[in-house]
């Protein structure tokens, strides 16, 4: 039985099993604390019966009038709990929060090479809005897809009409 519940400060001492995964973007503790303080409704954890963290999602709402949206900052599931539908359940919670906040869409960035994640987001109703050149830096810079899903407020789905050309990170709003 999986429990989906709000993330707490104590969870930061229990999520190394997930954050050490090479596909997971990790941040410093102050970053997690900032999100927890500013957008607690966007920070959810999936917990196993024994108290082990199976996965989590963190995000925020941001933007201005016609660009008001929910943003997925991090979504990750521990390797041993993947392919159980947890990521979809966590995404659904973030989408519901964003819809209640009257957002037009939810967006996220994903490595172009992460085919498993890109396919999962497509199955969840997301589409590629644009490609961001060299969004991820490291040993080798890698492009990202900015993927979006329109919410109920965007009746005409204008927020997900794809751009025809890639952009650079400094061109992001």
N, C-alpha and C. Protein backbone atom coordinates (compact mmCIF):
# COMPACT_ATOMS: atom_id res chain seq x y z
N UNK A 1 0.85 -1.17 0.00
CA UNK A 1 0.00 0.00 0.00
C UNK A 1 0.89 1.24 0.00
N UNK A 2 0.66 2.11 -0.91
CA UNK A 2 1.42 3.35 -1.02
C UNK A 2 0.62 4.49 -0.41
N UNK A 3 1.30 5.32 0.35
CA UNK A 3 0.68 6.51 0.92
C UNK A 3 1.20 7.73 0.16
N UNK A 4 0.30 8.53 -0.37
CA UNK A 4 0.66 9.80 -0.98
C UNK A 4 0.33 10.88 0.04
N UNK A 5 1.35 11.65 0.43
CA UNK A 5 1.15 12.63 1.48
C UNK A 5 2.04 13.85 1.23
N UNK A 6 1.75 14.95 1.94
CA UNK A 6 2.62 16.13 1.80
C UNK A 6 4.05 15.82 2.24
N UNK A 7 4.99 16.39 1.53
CA UNK A 7 6.41 16.26 1.87
C UNK A 7 6.66 17.05 3.16
N UNK A 8 7.52 16.54 4.03
CA UNK A 8 7.88 17.25 5.26
C UNK A 8 9.40 17.44 5.31
N UNK A 9 9.85 18.30 6.19
CA UNK A 9 11.30 18.54 6.34
C UNK A 9 12.04 17.24 6.65
N UNK A 10 11.46 16.39 7.47
CA UNK A 10 12.11 15.13 7.84
C UNK A 10 12.36 14.22 6.63
N UNK A 11 11.56 14.38 5.58
CA UNK A 11 11.74 13.54 4.38
C UNK A 11 13.09 13.79 3.71
N UNK A 12 13.67 14.96 3.93
CA UNK A 12 14.96 15.25 3.31
C UNK A 12 16.07 14.35 3.87
N UNK A 13 15.83 13.74 5.01
CA UNK A 13 16.82 12.83 5.58
C UNK A 13 16.59 11.39 5.12
N UNK A 14 15.54 11.19 4.29
CA UNK A 14 15.19 9.84 3.87
C UNK A 14 15.13 9.65 2.35
N UNK A 15 15.51 10.66 1.58
CA UNK A 15 15.31 10.50 0.13
C UNK A 15 16.59 10.29 -0.67
N UNK A 16 17.69 9.95 0.00
CA UNK A 16 18.93 9.68 -0.73
C UNK A 16 18.81 8.51 -1.68
N UNK A 17 18.00 7.49 -1.33
CA UNK A 17 17.85 6.35 -2.23
C UNK A 17 17.32 6.78 -3.60
N UNK A 18 16.62 7.87 -3.64
CA UNK A 18 16.09 8.37 -4.90
C UNK A 18 17.04 9.38 -5.54
N UNK A 19 17.55 10.29 -4.76
CA UNK A 19 18.37 11.37 -5.30
C UNK A 19 19.72 10.91 -5.81
N UNK A 20 20.17 9.74 -5.45
CA UNK A 20 21.45 9.24 -5.94
C UNK A 20 21.32 8.60 -7.31
N UNK A 21 20.12 8.48 -7.83
CA UNK A 21 19.89 7.93 -9.16
C UNK A 21 20.43 8.91 -10.20
N UNK A 22 21.16 8.44 -11.22
CA UNK A 22 21.77 9.36 -12.20
C UNK A 22 20.77 10.17 -13.02
N UNK A 23 19.53 9.73 -13.15
CA UNK A 23 18.55 10.49 -13.93
C UNK A 23 17.85 11.57 -13.11
N UNK A 24 18.13 11.63 -11.83
CA UNK A 24 17.47 12.59 -10.95
C UNK A 24 18.31 13.84 -10.79
N UNK A 25 17.69 14.99 -11.04
CA UNK A 25 18.35 16.26 -10.77
C UNK A 25 18.29 16.49 -9.27
N UNK A 26 19.42 16.78 -8.67
CA UNK A 26 19.44 17.01 -7.23
C UNK A 26 19.83 18.46 -6.94
N UNK A 27 19.41 18.92 -5.81
CA UNK A 27 19.63 20.30 -5.40
C UNK A 27 20.14 20.33 -3.97
N UNK A 28 20.56 21.49 -3.52
CA UNK A 28 20.98 21.64 -2.14
C UNK A 28 19.78 21.71 -1.22
N UNK A 29 19.99 21.39 0.05
CA UNK A 29 18.89 21.41 1.02
C UNK A 29 18.16 22.75 1.08
N UNK A 30 18.86 23.90 0.98
CA UNK A 30 18.11 25.17 1.00
C UNK A 30 17.11 25.29 -0.15
N UNK A 31 17.43 24.71 -1.30
CA UNK A 31 16.51 24.75 -2.44
C UNK A 31 15.22 23.99 -2.11
N UNK A 32 15.35 22.78 -1.55
CA UNK A 32 14.17 22.01 -1.17
C UNK A 32 13.36 22.76 -0.11
N UNK A 33 14.06 23.35 0.85
CA UNK A 33 13.37 24.09 1.91
C UNK A 33 12.61 25.29 1.35
N UNK A 34 13.20 25.97 0.37
CA UNK A 34 12.53 27.11 -0.26
C UNK A 34 11.22 26.67 -0.91
N UNK A 35 11.27 25.57 -1.63
CA UNK A 35 10.05 25.06 -2.28
C UNK A 35 9.02 24.65 -1.23
N UNK A 36 9.47 23.98 -0.19
CA UNK A 36 8.56 23.53 0.84
C UNK A 36 7.90 24.71 1.55
N UNK A 37 8.66 25.79 1.73
CA UNK A 37 8.11 26.97 2.40
C UNK A 37 7.17 27.77 1.49
N UNK A 38 7.51 27.89 0.21
CA UNK A 38 6.72 28.73 -0.71
C UNK A 38 5.56 28.01 -1.39
N UNK A 39 5.77 26.74 -1.72
CA UNK A 39 4.75 25.99 -2.47
C UNK A 39 4.52 24.61 -1.85
N UNK A 40 4.15 24.54 -0.57
CA UNK A 40 3.99 23.22 0.07
C UNK A 40 2.94 22.34 -0.60
N UNK A 41 1.93 22.96 -1.19
CA UNK A 41 0.87 22.19 -1.85
C UNK A 41 1.37 21.47 -3.11
N UNK A 42 2.54 21.87 -3.60
CA UNK A 42 3.13 21.27 -4.80
C UNK A 42 4.19 20.22 -4.48
N UNK A 43 4.37 19.87 -3.22
CA UNK A 43 5.44 18.98 -2.81
C UNK A 43 4.82 17.74 -2.16
N UNK A 44 4.85 16.63 -2.87
CA UNK A 44 4.19 15.40 -2.42
C UNK A 44 5.17 14.24 -2.45
N UNK A 45 5.02 13.34 -1.50
CA UNK A 45 5.87 12.16 -1.42
C UNK A 45 5.01 10.91 -1.49
N UNK A 46 5.58 9.87 -2.12
CA UNK A 46 4.97 8.54 -2.11
C UNK A 46 5.79 7.70 -1.13
N UNK A 47 5.09 7.14 -0.14
CA UNK A 47 5.78 6.43 0.93
C UNK A 47 5.33 4.97 0.98
N UNK A 48 6.30 4.06 1.14
CA UNK A 48 6.01 2.64 1.28
C UNK A 48 5.53 2.35 2.70
N UNK A 49 4.88 1.20 2.91
CA UNK A 49 4.38 0.87 4.26
C UNK A 49 5.45 0.92 5.35
N UNK A 50 6.70 0.61 5.02
CA UNK A 50 7.77 0.64 6.01
C UNK A 50 8.37 2.02 6.22
N UNK A 51 7.83 3.04 5.55
CA UNK A 51 8.31 4.40 5.72
C UNK A 51 9.35 4.83 4.70
N UNK A 52 9.76 3.93 3.81
CA UNK A 52 10.74 4.28 2.78
C UNK A 52 10.09 5.16 1.72
N UNK A 53 10.81 6.18 1.29
CA UNK A 53 10.29 7.06 0.24
C UNK A 53 10.44 6.36 -1.10
N UNK A 54 9.33 6.24 -1.80
CA UNK A 54 9.29 5.59 -3.09
C UNK A 54 9.51 6.60 -4.22
N UNK A 55 9.06 7.83 -4.00
CA UNK A 55 9.19 8.87 -5.01
C UNK A 55 8.65 10.17 -4.47
N UNK A 56 8.89 11.24 -5.23
CA UNK A 56 8.33 12.53 -4.84
C UNK A 56 8.21 13.43 -6.06
N UNK A 57 7.40 14.47 -5.88
CA UNK A 57 7.26 15.50 -6.89
C UNK A 57 7.32 16.84 -6.18
N UNK A 58 7.98 17.81 -6.82
CA UNK A 58 7.97 19.17 -6.29
C UNK A 58 7.79 20.12 -7.46
N UNK A 59 7.06 21.18 -7.20
CA UNK A 59 6.79 22.14 -8.25
C UNK A 59 6.38 23.47 -7.67
N UNK A 60 5.83 24.30 -8.55
CA UNK A 60 5.41 25.63 -8.13
C UNK A 60 4.43 26.18 -9.16
N UNK A 61 3.81 27.30 -8.82
CA UNK A 61 3.01 28.04 -9.80
C UNK A 61 3.73 29.35 -10.04
N UNK A 62 3.72 29.77 -11.29
CA UNK A 62 4.47 30.96 -11.66
C UNK A 62 3.91 31.54 -12.96
N UNK A 63 4.44 32.68 -13.34
CA UNK A 63 4.04 33.31 -14.59
C UNK A 63 3.21 34.54 -14.35
N UNK A 64 2.68 35.07 -15.41
CA UNK A 64 1.84 36.26 -15.37
C UNK A 64 0.62 36.02 -16.24
N UNK A 65 -0.36 36.91 -16.19
CA UNK A 65 -1.71 36.67 -16.73
C UNK A 65 -1.93 35.47 -17.64
N UNK A 66 -1.62 35.55 -18.92
CA UNK A 66 -1.92 34.45 -19.84
C UNK A 66 -0.89 33.33 -19.78
N UNK A 67 0.15 33.53 -18.99
CA UNK A 67 1.22 32.54 -18.88
C UNK A 67 1.24 31.91 -17.48
N UNK A 68 0.20 32.11 -16.69
CA UNK A 68 0.13 31.56 -15.34
C UNK A 68 0.06 30.04 -15.44
N UNK A 69 1.02 29.36 -14.81
CA UNK A 69 1.09 27.91 -14.99
C UNK A 69 1.71 27.21 -13.79
N UNK A 70 1.46 25.92 -13.73
CA UNK A 70 2.13 25.05 -12.78
C UNK A 70 3.40 24.54 -13.43
N UNK A 71 4.43 24.37 -12.63
CA UNK A 71 5.72 23.90 -13.16
C UNK A 71 6.21 22.72 -12.33
N UNK A 72 6.60 21.65 -13.00
CA UNK A 72 7.18 20.49 -12.34
C UNK A 72 8.68 20.74 -12.25
N UNK A 73 9.17 20.94 -11.04
CA UNK A 73 10.60 21.16 -10.85
C UNK A 73 11.34 19.84 -10.77
N UNK A 74 10.77 18.87 -10.09
CA UNK A 74 11.40 17.55 -9.99
C UNK A 74 10.32 16.50 -9.78
N UNK A 75 10.47 15.41 -10.48
CA UNK A 75 9.64 14.22 -10.31
C UNK A 75 10.58 13.04 -10.38
N UNK A 76 10.59 12.23 -9.37
CA UNK A 76 11.45 11.06 -9.41
C UNK A 76 10.86 9.93 -8.58
N UNK A 77 11.11 8.73 -9.06
CA UNK A 77 10.67 7.51 -8.39
C UNK A 77 11.91 6.62 -8.27
N UNK A 78 12.11 6.03 -7.09
CA UNK A 78 13.24 5.13 -6.88
C UNK A 78 13.19 3.99 -7.89
N UNK A 79 14.35 3.56 -8.39
CA UNK A 79 14.37 2.52 -9.43
C UNK A 79 13.54 1.28 -9.09
N UNK A 80 13.55 0.86 -7.83
CA UNK A 80 12.83 -0.36 -7.48
C UNK A 80 11.31 -0.18 -7.45
N UNK A 81 10.84 1.07 -7.56
CA UNK A 81 9.40 1.33 -7.55
C UNK A 81 8.89 1.88 -8.89
N UNK A 82 9.73 1.86 -9.90
CA UNK A 82 9.30 2.37 -11.21
C UNK A 82 8.37 1.36 -11.89
N UNK A 83 7.61 1.87 -12.83
CA UNK A 83 6.66 1.07 -13.62
C UNK A 83 5.48 0.57 -12.80
N UNK A 84 5.17 1.29 -11.72
CA UNK A 84 4.00 0.96 -10.90
C UNK A 84 2.92 2.03 -11.01
N UNK A 85 3.16 3.05 -11.82
CA UNK A 85 2.19 4.13 -11.98
C UNK A 85 2.32 5.25 -10.97
N UNK A 86 3.37 5.23 -10.14
CA UNK A 86 3.54 6.27 -9.13
C UNK A 86 3.76 7.65 -9.74
N UNK A 87 4.58 7.71 -10.78
CA UNK A 87 4.86 9.01 -11.41
C UNK A 87 3.56 9.63 -11.93
N UNK A 88 2.72 8.83 -12.53
CA UNK A 88 1.44 9.34 -13.03
C UNK A 88 0.55 9.85 -11.90
N UNK A 89 0.53 9.14 -10.79
CA UNK A 89 -0.28 9.58 -9.64
C UNK A 89 0.26 10.90 -9.08
N UNK A 90 1.59 11.02 -8.98
CA UNK A 90 2.19 12.26 -8.48
C UNK A 90 1.92 13.42 -9.44
N UNK A 91 2.02 13.15 -10.74
CA UNK A 91 1.74 14.20 -11.73
C UNK A 91 0.28 14.64 -11.63
N UNK A 92 -0.62 13.69 -11.42
CA UNK A 92 -2.04 14.02 -11.32
C UNK A 92 -2.30 14.96 -10.14
N UNK A 93 -1.63 14.73 -9.02
CA UNK A 93 -1.79 15.61 -7.86
C UNK A 93 -1.32 17.02 -8.21
N UNK A 94 -0.16 17.13 -8.85
CA UNK A 94 0.35 18.46 -9.21
C UNK A 94 -0.58 19.15 -10.21
N UNK A 95 -1.12 18.40 -11.15
CA UNK A 95 -2.05 18.98 -12.12
C UNK A 95 -3.33 19.47 -11.44
N UNK A 96 -3.84 18.70 -10.48
CA UNK A 96 -5.05 19.12 -9.76
C UNK A 96 -4.80 20.39 -8.95
N UNK A 97 -3.65 20.48 -8.31
CA UNK A 97 -3.30 21.70 -7.56
C UNK A 97 -3.24 22.89 -8.53
N UNK A 98 -2.60 22.69 -9.67
CA UNK A 98 -2.47 23.76 -10.67
C UNK A 98 -3.82 24.18 -11.21
N UNK A 99 -4.70 23.22 -11.44
CA UNK A 99 -6.04 23.53 -11.93
C UNK A 99 -6.81 24.35 -10.89
N UNK A 100 -6.70 23.98 -9.62
CA UNK A 100 -7.38 24.74 -8.55
C UNK A 100 -6.83 26.17 -8.46
N UNK A 101 -5.57 26.35 -8.81
CA UNK A 101 -4.96 27.68 -8.77
C UNK A 101 -5.23 28.45 -10.06
N UNK A 102 -6.08 27.89 -10.90
CA UNK A 102 -6.51 28.54 -12.15
C UNK A 102 -5.36 28.73 -13.14
N UNK A 103 -4.43 27.80 -13.16
CA UNK A 103 -3.34 27.83 -14.12
C UNK A 103 -3.87 27.43 -15.50
N UNK A 104 -3.19 27.93 -16.53
CA UNK A 104 -3.56 27.58 -17.89
C UNK A 104 -2.97 26.23 -18.32
N UNK A 105 -1.78 25.93 -17.81
CA UNK A 105 -1.10 24.70 -18.21
C UNK A 105 -0.09 24.29 -17.14
N UNK A 106 0.44 23.09 -17.30
CA UNK A 106 1.56 22.61 -16.49
C UNK A 106 2.71 22.38 -17.46
N UNK A 107 3.91 22.78 -17.06
CA UNK A 107 5.07 22.51 -17.90
C UNK A 107 6.17 21.83 -17.10
N UNK A 108 7.11 21.27 -17.84
CA UNK A 108 8.26 20.59 -17.25
C UNK A 108 9.37 20.54 -18.28
N UNK A 109 10.57 20.31 -17.81
CA UNK A 109 11.72 20.13 -18.69
C UNK A 109 12.24 18.72 -18.49
N UNK A 110 12.59 18.07 -19.59
CA UNK A 110 13.10 16.70 -19.53
C UNK A 110 14.23 16.56 -20.56
N UNK A 111 15.25 15.80 -20.18
CA UNK A 111 16.36 15.57 -21.10
C UNK A 111 15.84 14.90 -22.38
N UNK A 112 16.32 15.39 -23.52
CA UNK A 112 15.92 14.83 -24.80
C UNK A 112 16.26 13.35 -24.87
N UNK A 113 17.35 12.95 -24.23
CA UNK A 113 17.80 11.54 -24.28
C UNK A 113 17.01 10.62 -23.34
N UNK A 114 16.18 11.17 -22.46
CA UNK A 114 15.45 10.35 -21.49
C UNK A 114 14.15 9.86 -22.13
N UNK A 115 14.30 8.91 -23.03
CA UNK A 115 13.16 8.41 -23.81
C UNK A 115 12.05 7.82 -22.95
N UNK A 116 12.42 7.16 -21.86
CA UNK A 116 11.41 6.56 -20.98
C UNK A 116 10.52 7.65 -20.40
N UNK A 117 11.15 8.73 -19.91
CA UNK A 117 10.37 9.83 -19.32
C UNK A 117 9.56 10.55 -20.39
N UNK A 118 10.17 10.82 -21.53
CA UNK A 118 9.45 11.53 -22.61
C UNK A 118 8.21 10.71 -23.01
N UNK A 119 8.37 9.40 -23.17
CA UNK A 119 7.23 8.54 -23.53
C UNK A 119 6.16 8.56 -22.45
N UNK A 120 6.58 8.53 -21.17
CA UNK A 120 5.62 8.56 -20.08
C UNK A 120 4.82 9.88 -20.11
N UNK A 121 5.52 10.99 -20.28
CA UNK A 121 4.82 12.28 -20.32
C UNK A 121 3.85 12.35 -21.50
N UNK A 122 4.23 11.79 -22.64
CA UNK A 122 3.30 11.73 -23.77
C UNK A 122 2.04 10.95 -23.38
N UNK A 123 2.22 9.81 -22.71
CA UNK A 123 1.07 9.00 -22.29
C UNK A 123 0.18 9.76 -21.30
N UNK A 124 0.79 10.67 -20.53
CA UNK A 124 0.03 11.47 -19.55
C UNK A 124 -0.63 12.69 -20.19
N UNK A 125 -0.45 12.86 -21.51
CA UNK A 125 -1.10 13.96 -22.21
C UNK A 125 -0.24 15.18 -22.47
N UNK A 126 1.05 15.08 -22.23
CA UNK A 126 1.95 16.20 -22.48
C UNK A 126 2.46 16.15 -23.90
N UNK A 127 2.79 17.32 -24.44
CA UNK A 127 3.37 17.40 -25.77
C UNK A 127 4.58 18.33 -25.71
N UNK A 128 5.46 18.17 -26.69
CA UNK A 128 6.65 19.02 -26.74
C UNK A 128 6.24 20.40 -27.23
N UNK A 129 6.47 21.39 -26.39
CA UNK A 129 6.17 22.78 -26.74
C UNK A 129 7.36 23.39 -27.48
N UNK A 130 8.58 23.09 -27.00
CA UNK A 130 9.79 23.60 -27.63
C UNK A 130 10.99 22.82 -27.15
N UNK A 131 12.06 22.94 -27.90
CA UNK A 131 13.35 22.35 -27.54
C UNK A 131 14.22 23.47 -26.98
N UNK A 132 14.90 23.21 -25.87
CA UNK A 132 15.77 24.20 -25.25
C UNK A 132 17.21 23.69 -25.40
N UNK A 133 17.99 24.43 -26.18
CA UNK A 133 19.36 24.04 -26.49
C UNK A 133 20.25 24.16 -25.26
N UNK A 134 20.99 23.08 -24.99
CA UNK A 134 21.97 23.04 -23.89
C UNK A 134 21.38 23.49 -22.55
N UNK A 135 20.18 23.04 -22.26
CA UNK A 135 19.51 23.38 -21.00
C UNK A 135 20.22 22.73 -19.82
N UNK A 136 20.62 21.48 -19.99
CA UNK A 136 21.32 20.75 -18.93
C UNK A 136 22.83 20.88 -19.15
N UNK A 137 23.53 21.35 -18.13
CA UNK A 137 24.98 21.46 -18.26
C UNK A 137 25.63 20.39 -17.40
N UNK A 138 26.83 20.06 -17.75
CA UNK A 138 27.57 19.01 -17.04
C UNK A 138 28.75 18.61 -17.89
N UNK A 139 29.10 17.33 -17.83
CA UNK A 139 30.21 16.85 -18.64
C UNK A 139 29.91 17.07 -20.12
N UNK A 140 28.67 16.83 -20.50
CA UNK A 140 28.23 17.13 -21.86
C UNK A 140 26.92 17.90 -21.75
N UNK A 141 26.86 19.04 -22.39
CA UNK A 141 25.62 19.81 -22.37
C UNK A 141 24.56 19.05 -23.16
N UNK A 142 23.34 19.10 -22.65
CA UNK A 142 22.27 18.36 -23.29
C UNK A 142 21.03 19.23 -23.43
N UNK A 143 20.34 19.05 -24.55
CA UNK A 143 19.10 19.77 -24.79
C UNK A 143 17.98 19.20 -23.93
N UNK A 144 16.95 20.02 -23.75
CA UNK A 144 15.76 19.60 -23.02
C UNK A 144 14.54 19.83 -23.90
N UNK A 145 13.51 19.04 -23.65
CA UNK A 145 12.20 19.33 -24.19
C UNK A 145 11.44 20.07 -23.10
N UNK A 146 10.81 21.17 -23.47
CA UNK A 146 9.85 21.86 -22.61
C UNK A 146 8.52 21.25 -23.01
N UNK A 147 7.96 20.41 -22.12
CA UNK A 147 6.70 19.72 -22.42
C UNK A 147 5.58 20.38 -21.63
N UNK A 148 4.40 20.42 -22.24
CA UNK A 148 3.25 21.08 -21.62
C UNK A 148 1.98 20.26 -21.77
N UNK A 149 1.09 20.54 -20.81
CA UNK A 149 -0.26 19.97 -20.86
C UNK A 149 -1.22 21.08 -20.50
N UNK A 150 -2.20 21.32 -21.35
CA UNK A 150 -3.20 22.36 -21.08
C UNK A 150 -4.14 21.90 -19.97
N UNK A 151 -4.56 22.85 -19.15
CA UNK A 151 -5.52 22.58 -18.08
C UNK A 151 -6.88 23.14 -18.47
N UNK A 152 -7.86 22.97 -17.61
CA UNK A 152 -9.24 23.32 -17.96
C UNK A 152 -9.42 24.80 -18.27
N UNK A 153 -8.61 25.67 -17.70
CA UNK A 153 -8.76 27.10 -17.97
C UNK A 153 -8.38 27.46 -19.41
N UNK A 154 -7.51 26.68 -20.02
CA UNK A 154 -7.07 26.93 -21.40
C UNK A 154 -7.98 26.15 -22.35
N UNK A 155 -9.19 26.64 -22.50
CA UNK A 155 -10.21 25.95 -23.30
C UNK A 155 -9.75 25.73 -24.74
N UNK A 156 -9.07 26.73 -25.32
CA UNK A 156 -8.64 26.64 -26.71
C UNK A 156 -7.27 25.99 -26.88
N UNK A 157 -6.64 25.60 -25.78
CA UNK A 157 -5.33 24.93 -25.78
C UNK A 157 -4.24 25.76 -26.47
N UNK A 158 -4.32 27.07 -26.34
CA UNK A 158 -3.33 27.97 -26.94
C UNK A 158 -1.94 27.81 -26.31
N UNK A 159 -1.91 27.42 -25.04
CA UNK A 159 -0.64 27.34 -24.32
C UNK A 159 0.25 26.19 -24.77
N UNK A 160 -0.31 25.26 -25.53
CA UNK A 160 0.47 24.10 -25.94
C UNK A 160 0.77 24.06 -27.44
N UNK A 161 0.47 25.14 -28.15
CA UNK A 161 0.80 25.19 -29.57
C UNK A 161 2.32 25.25 -29.69
N UNK A 162 2.94 24.24 -30.32
CA UNK A 162 4.40 24.16 -30.32
C UNK A 162 5.07 25.30 -31.08
N UNK A 163 6.25 25.68 -30.56
CA UNK A 163 7.09 26.63 -31.28
C UNK A 163 7.81 25.87 -32.39
N UNK A 164 8.09 26.54 -33.47
CA UNK A 164 8.70 25.87 -34.62
C UNK A 164 10.23 25.87 -34.57
N UNK A 165 10.80 26.63 -33.64
CA UNK A 165 12.26 26.73 -33.58
C UNK A 165 12.73 26.54 -32.14
N UNK A 166 13.94 26.01 -31.95
CA UNK A 166 14.45 25.85 -30.59
C UNK A 166 14.84 27.19 -29.97
N UNK A 167 14.96 27.19 -28.65
CA UNK A 167 15.36 28.40 -27.93
C UNK A 167 16.56 28.05 -27.03
N UNK A 168 17.19 29.07 -26.52
CA UNK A 168 18.30 28.89 -25.59
C UNK A 168 17.77 29.16 -24.17
N UNK A 169 18.45 28.65 -23.14
CA UNK A 169 17.99 28.86 -21.77
C UNK A 169 17.78 30.33 -21.42
N UNK A 170 18.62 31.21 -21.93
CA UNK A 170 18.48 32.63 -21.61
C UNK A 170 17.26 33.27 -22.26
N UNK A 171 16.62 32.57 -23.21
CA UNK A 171 15.41 33.08 -23.86
C UNK A 171 14.13 32.64 -23.17
N UNK A 172 14.26 31.79 -22.14
CA UNK A 172 13.07 31.32 -21.44
C UNK A 172 12.47 32.45 -20.61
N UNK A 173 11.15 32.45 -20.50
CA UNK A 173 10.47 33.47 -19.71
C UNK A 173 10.58 33.17 -18.25
